[in-house]
Amino acid sequence: MDSIFTYSSYREYIRDAIEEKRRKNPRFSFRCAAGRIGTGSGTLSRILNNKRHLGASLLPRLISFLGLKRREAEYFSLLVNFELLADETKKRQCYRDILRMRTGRTTTIPEENHQFFEQWYHVALFELLRIVKSTSDSTALGSMLMPPISGPKARKAIEVLTRIGYIRQTEDESSCTTEPFLTTGDTWESVAIHSFQVAMSHLATKALDTVPKEERDFSTLTMALSNEAFRKVREVVKNARDEIAAIERECRNPERVFQINLQCFPLTQDNPEKGTPHDDR
């Protein structure tokens, strides 16, 4: 089984640990795992299926069950805490602590998995260089972003993009080429992408006041849905992402860099007392 420091999800690590015990002992069952942890199999199942969080009372029991040493236990606790934190400042600090513990612990996780998304302007500059195609004037590149960044920040970002292989440039920096398209796929390390999504959400809020209406498109929907209907909505959003990505691939002469945020999140708690079923919207 891989080192815990290669994991970005505590749930995935628990699943793999249980499966490892099953391989070593075919008689070891999921119910047996729950019993050793000190909880019901239903509770453990809901935790692993992301339907409830791991509570504080179960955390030390899980650490004992998994046989984690001190630094491993600290890292596991950070992964758990990251999902529980609501305060964005504390969440970003937790994210940095996770990355700090990973540094030097493993070579399995490529550095670019988190560096590319660590600053919003890394991604923006990557896309901008598909248009400008030259890194010779970092100050000019930085000034083209909205909001603009300084020349030194742009230069450092270009160094990151070059080091991780997402752009390739000539010796005199008069021209460069980029990877044609990048995607995180359907899954991604939550600790890596979270800060980027927070930053882009903040930029979207600012754009309401700073970008003319004719240059942006904002719309919102608030609706009551069943869990099944919500799953259908998520599928629609996924299909929309795929269609938008196809439009980008077909675009031969890009002129600007745009950010498209697709968001769907609950505004109410789940109702424990299910009422009379009604038609979905």
Protein backbone atom coordinates (compact mmCIF):
# COMPACT_ATOMS: atom_id res chain seq x y z
CA MET A 1 0.00 0.00 0.00
CA ASP A 2 1.29 3.48 -0.88
CA SER A 3 2.49 5.95 1.74
CA ILE A 4 -0.25 8.07 3.30
CA PHE A 5 1.64 11.14 2.07
CA THR A 6 0.61 10.25 -1.50
CA TYR A 7 -3.08 10.61 -0.57
CA SER A 8 -5.18 13.76 -0.74
CA SER A 9 -8.39 12.14 0.57
CA TYR A 10 -8.60 10.52 3.97
CA ARG A 11 -11.60 8.51 2.77
CA GLU A 12 -9.60 6.98 -0.06
CA TYR A 13 -6.83 6.05 2.37
CA ILE A 14 -9.29 4.32 4.72
CA ARG A 15 -10.83 2.39 1.81
CA ASP A 16 -7.42 1.25 0.60
CA ALA A 17 -6.35 0.29 4.12
CA ILE A 18 -9.44 -1.88 4.58
CA GLU A 19 -8.90 -3.47 1.18
CA GLU A 20 -5.27 -4.17 2.11
CA LYS A 21 -6.39 -5.95 5.27
CA ARG A 22 -8.86 -7.97 3.20
CA ARG A 23 -6.10 -9.08 0.83
CA LYS A 24 -3.99 -10.25 3.75
CA ASN A 25 -6.94 -11.92 5.50
CA PRO A 26 -9.91 -12.93 3.28
CA ARG A 27 -12.03 -13.37 6.43
CA PHE A 28 -11.61 -9.70 7.33
CA SER A 29 -14.91 -7.96 6.48
CA PHE A 30 -16.16 -4.40 6.31
CA ARG A 31 -18.28 -5.10 9.39
CA CYS A 32 -15.18 -6.32 11.18
CA ALA A 33 -13.37 -3.08 10.27
CA ALA A 34 -16.25 -1.01 11.64
CA GLY A 35 -16.24 -3.04 14.85
CA ARG A 36 -12.52 -2.51 15.40
CA ILE A 37 -12.93 1.22 14.82
CA GLY A 38 -15.80 1.26 17.30
CA THR A 39 -18.69 2.31 15.08
CA GLY A 40 -21.49 0.78 13.05
CA SER A 41 -20.92 -0.42 9.49
CA GLY A 42 -23.62 1.99 8.30
CA THR A 43 -21.83 4.96 9.85
CA LEU A 44 -18.50 3.91 8.35
CA SER A 45 -20.16 3.45 4.96
CA ARG A 46 -21.66 6.96 5.06
CA ILE A 47 -18.25 8.41 5.93
CA LEU A 48 -16.52 6.62 3.06
CA ASN A 49 -19.32 7.57 0.65
CA ASN A 50 -18.92 11.25 1.59
CA LYS A 51 -22.38 11.43 3.15
CA ARG A 52 -21.07 12.48 6.56
CA HIS A 53 -17.84 13.77 8.03
CA LEU A 54 -15.52 11.90 10.31
CA GLY A 55 -16.35 13.11 13.83
CA ALA A 56 -13.79 14.12 16.44
CA SER A 57 -14.61 11.08 18.60
CA LEU A 58 -13.83 8.66 15.76
CA LEU A 59 -10.58 10.31 14.64
CA PRO A 60 -8.28 8.76 17.30
CA ARG A 61 -9.97 5.38 16.79
CA LEU A 62 -9.28 5.54 13.04
CA ILE A 63 -5.67 6.52 13.66
CA SER A 64 -5.28 3.53 15.97
CA PHE A 65 -7.03 1.16 13.55
CA LEU A 66 -4.81 2.34 10.66
CA GLY A 67 -1.67 1.99 12.77
CA LEU A 68 -0.45 5.48 11.91
CA LYS A 69 2.76 6.83 13.41
CA ARG A 70 3.03 10.37 14.76
CA ARG A 71 3.70 12.28 11.50
CA GLU A 72 1.33 10.03 9.56
CA ALA A 73 -1.39 10.67 12.15
CA GLU A 74 -0.74 14.42 11.91
CA TYR A 75 -1.07 14.31 8.14
CA PHE A 76 -4.26 12.20 8.32
CA SER A 77 -5.73 14.68 10.83
CA LEU A 78 -4.95 17.58 8.46
CA LEU A 79 -6.82 15.85 5.62
CA VAL A 80 -9.83 15.37 7.91
CA ASN A 81 -9.66 18.93 9.23
CA PHE A 82 -9.43 20.41 5.73
CA GLU A 83 -12.91 19.13 4.88
CA LEU A 84 -14.39 20.32 8.16
CA LEU A 85 -13.11 23.91 8.09
CA ALA A 86 -15.57 26.56 6.92
CA ASP A 87 -13.39 29.65 7.40
CA GLU A 88 -11.52 30.24 4.12
CA THR A 89 -8.42 31.71 5.78
CA LYS A 90 -8.07 28.71 8.08
CA LYS A 91 -8.77 26.36 5.17
CA ARG A 92 -5.95 27.90 3.10
CA GLN A 93 -3.57 27.60 6.07
CA CYS A 94 -4.53 23.95 6.46
CA TYR A 95 -3.88 23.46 2.75
CA ARG A 96 -0.39 24.96 3.13
CA ASP A 97 0.28 22.66 6.10
CA ILE A 98 -0.71 19.65 4.00
CA LEU A 99 1.66 20.69 1.22
CA ARG A 100 4.44 21.35 3.74
CA MET A 101 4.15 17.82 5.13
CA ARG A 102 4.23 16.37 1.64
CA THR A 103 7.42 18.20 0.69
CA GLY A 104 10.33 15.81 0.71
CA ARG A 105 8.19 12.89 1.88
CA THR A 106 7.45 11.39 -1.52
CA THR A 107 8.19 11.71 -5.20
CA THR A 108 4.93 10.08 -6.21
CA ILE A 109 2.96 13.33 -6.27
CA PRO A 110 4.27 15.57 -9.09
CA GLU A 111 5.02 19.11 -7.96
CA GLU A 112 2.84 20.60 -10.71
CA ASN A 113 -0.25 18.97 -9.19
CA HIS A 114 -0.42 21.87 -6.78
CA GLN A 115 1.93 24.54 -8.16
CA PHE A 116 -0.13 25.21 -11.29
CA PHE A 117 -3.24 26.05 -9.27
CA GLU A 118 -1.50 27.69 -6.32
CA GLN A 119 -2.01 31.17 -7.83
CA TRP A 120 -4.94 32.11 -10.06
CA TYR A 121 -2.65 34.02 -12.42
CA HIS A 122 -0.61 30.89 -13.22
CA VAL A 123 -3.62 29.55 -15.09
CA ALA A 124 -4.52 32.94 -16.57
CA LEU A 125 -0.97 33.49 -17.90
CA PHE A 126 -0.88 29.98 -19.32
CA GLU A 127 -3.99 30.79 -21.37
CA LEU A 128 -2.75 34.30 -22.24
CA LEU A 129 0.44 32.85 -23.73
CA ARG A 130 -1.69 30.97 -26.24
CA ILE A 131 -2.49 34.46 -27.59
CA VAL A 132 0.63 36.56 -26.99
CA LYS A 133 3.17 33.73 -27.55
CA SER A 134 6.11 35.63 -26.03
CA THR A 135 7.43 35.93 -22.48
CA SER A 136 10.01 38.65 -23.19
CA ASP A 137 8.03 41.43 -21.47
CA SER A 138 6.70 40.07 -18.18
CA THR A 139 5.55 43.54 -17.06
CA ALA A 140 3.34 43.88 -20.13
CA LEU A 141 1.95 40.37 -19.63
CA GLY A 142 1.13 41.11 -16.00
CA SER A 143 -0.63 44.35 -16.93
CA MET A 144 -2.90 42.50 -19.35
CA LEU A 145 -4.50 40.47 -16.57
CA MET A 146 -7.65 41.61 -14.76
CA PRO A 147 -6.76 42.49 -12.07
CA PRO A 148 -3.18 43.19 -13.19
CA ILE A 149 -0.15 41.71 -11.44
CA SER A 150 3.40 43.06 -11.17
CA GLY A 151 6.19 42.20 -13.58
CA PRO A 152 8.13 40.21 -10.94
CA LYS A 153 5.02 38.13 -10.14
CA ALA A 154 4.47 37.47 -13.85
CA ARG A 155 8.13 36.51 -14.28
CA LYS A 156 7.97 34.08 -11.36
CA ALA A 157 4.77 32.57 -12.76
CA ILE A 158 6.44 32.09 -16.15
CA GLU A 159 9.35 30.34 -14.43
CA VAL A 160 6.88 27.96 -12.74
CA LEU A 161 5.09 27.23 -16.02
CA THR A 162 8.41 26.60 -17.75
CA ARG A 163 9.77 24.38 -14.99
CA ILE A 164 6.72 22.13 -14.91
CA GLY A 165 6.71 21.86 -18.69
CA TYR A 166 3.45 23.64 -19.49
CA ILE A 167 5.23 26.21 -21.68
CA ARG A 168 8.36 25.90 -23.79
CA GLN A 169 10.20 29.02 -24.91
CA THR A 170 13.14 29.99 -27.09
CA GLU A 171 16.41 31.04 -25.48
CA ASP A 172 15.75 34.73 -26.15
CA GLU A 173 12.14 34.37 -24.91
CA SER A 174 10.89 35.92 -28.15
CA SER A 175 8.37 33.13 -28.61
CA CYS A 176 6.92 30.24 -26.67
CA THR A 177 4.53 27.36 -27.13
CA THR A 178 2.11 25.94 -24.58
CA GLU A 179 0.44 22.64 -24.00
CA PRO A 180 -2.66 22.79 -26.24
CA PHE A 181 -5.22 22.07 -23.51
CA LEU A 182 -5.11 21.10 -19.86
CA THR A 183 -7.82 19.54 -17.77
CA THR A 184 -8.10 18.14 -14.27
CA GLY A 185 -10.54 15.50 -15.52
CA ASP A 186 -13.53 14.45 -13.47
CA THR A 187 -11.48 14.03 -10.28
CA TRP A 188 -8.72 16.14 -8.76
CA GLU A 189 -6.95 16.54 -5.49
CA SER A 190 -9.30 18.64 -3.40
CA VAL A 191 -6.43 20.17 -1.42
CA ALA A 192 -4.80 21.36 -4.64
CA ILE A 193 -7.77 22.82 -6.45
CA HIS A 194 -9.61 24.40 -3.53
CA SER A 195 -7.54 27.60 -3.28
CA PHE A 196 -7.82 28.14 -7.02
CA GLN A 197 -11.60 27.82 -6.94
CA VAL A 198 -11.83 30.22 -4.00
CA ALA A 199 -9.66 32.78 -5.84
CA MET A 200 -11.74 32.53 -9.01
CA SER A 201 -14.97 32.90 -7.05
CA HIS A 202 -13.60 36.11 -5.51
CA LEU A 203 -12.62 37.42 -8.96
CA ALA A 204 -16.13 36.67 -10.20
CA THR A 205 -17.59 38.75 -7.36
CA LYS A 206 -15.33 41.68 -8.26
CA ALA A 207 -16.22 41.35 -11.95
CA LEU A 208 -19.85 42.23 -11.16
CA ASP A 209 -18.67 45.76 -10.35
CA THR A 210 -15.61 46.13 -12.58
CA VAL A 211 -16.53 44.48 -15.89
CA PRO A 212 -19.16 46.03 -18.20
CA LYS A 213 -22.34 43.97 -18.59
CA GLU A 214 -21.76 43.46 -22.31
CA GLU A 215 -18.42 41.76 -21.54
CA ARG A 216 -19.71 39.26 -18.99
CA ASP A 217 -22.58 36.85 -18.44
CA PHE A 218 -23.91 36.22 -14.95
CA SER A 219 -27.07 34.27 -14.20
CA THR A 220 -28.40 32.49 -11.13
CA LEU A 221 -31.06 29.90 -10.35
CA THR A 222 -32.47 29.03 -6.94
CA MET A 223 -34.68 25.94 -6.87
CA ALA A 224 -35.97 23.08 -4.75
CA LEU A 225 -34.83 19.65 -5.98
CA SER A 226 -34.82 16.06 -4.89
CA ASN A 227 -31.48 14.29 -4.56
CA GLU A 228 -32.17 12.45 -7.82
CA ALA A 229 -32.97 15.71 -9.61
CA PHE A 230 -29.76 17.23 -8.25
CA ARG A 231 -27.78 14.35 -9.73
CA LYS A 232 -29.39 15.13 -13.09
CA VAL A 233 -28.43 18.80 -12.72
CA ARG A 234 -24.82 17.80 -12.06
CA GLU A 235 -24.84 15.72 -15.23
CA VAL A 236 -26.15 18.71 -17.19
CA VAL A 237 -23.35 20.86 -15.76
CA LYS A 238 -20.77 18.22 -16.69
CA ASN A 239 -22.11 18.05 -20.25
CA ALA A 240 -22.00 21.84 -20.46
CA ARG A 241 -18.32 21.80 -19.42
CA ASP A 242 -17.58 19.25 -22.13
CA GLU A 243 -19.37 21.32 -24.78
CA ILE A 244 -17.58 24.51 -23.74
CA ALA A 245 -14.23 22.70 -23.84
CA ALA A 246 -15.06 21.53 -27.38
CA ILE A 247 -15.73 25.14 -28.42
CA GLU A 248 -12.29 26.13 -27.10
CA ARG A 249 -10.60 23.32 -29.00
CA GLU A 250 -12.21 24.52 -32.23
CA CYS A 251 -11.21 28.17 -31.64
CA ARG A 252 -8.22 28.90 -33.87
CA ASN A 253 -7.66 32.60 -33.07
CA PRO A 254 -8.30 33.34 -29.37
CA GLU A 255 -8.40 37.05 -28.51
CA ARG A 256 -8.95 37.17 -24.72
CA VAL A 257 -8.82 34.88 -21.70
CA PHE A 258 -12.18 34.22 -20.03
CA GLN A 259 -13.02 32.51 -16.75
CA ILE A 260 -16.17 30.38 -16.63
CA ASN A 261 -17.39 29.30 -13.19
CA LEU A 262 -20.13 26.66 -13.01
CA GLN A 263 -21.39 26.30 -9.45
CA CYS A 264 -24.15 24.34 -7.79
CA PHE A 265 -24.40 24.18 -3.99
CA PRO A 266 -27.08 23.77 -1.28
CA LEU A 267 -28.68 26.74 0.48
CA THR A 268 -30.51 24.60 3.06
CA GLN A 269 -29.77 21.63 5.28
CA ASP A 270 -31.02 18.21 4.17
CA ASN A 271 -34.56 17.71 5.48
CA PRO A 272 -34.55 14.72 7.87
CA GLU A 273 -38.35 14.49 7.69
CA LYS A 274 -39.15 13.76 4.08
CA GLY A 275 -42.56 15.13 3.21
CA THR A 276 -44.98 14.10 0.53
CA PRO A 277 -43.14 13.62 -2.77
CA HIS A 278 -43.77 16.32 -5.37
CA ASP A 279 -42.80 16.78 -8.98
CA ASP A 280 -39.28 17.96 -9.72
CA ARG A 281 -38.91 21.23 -11.54
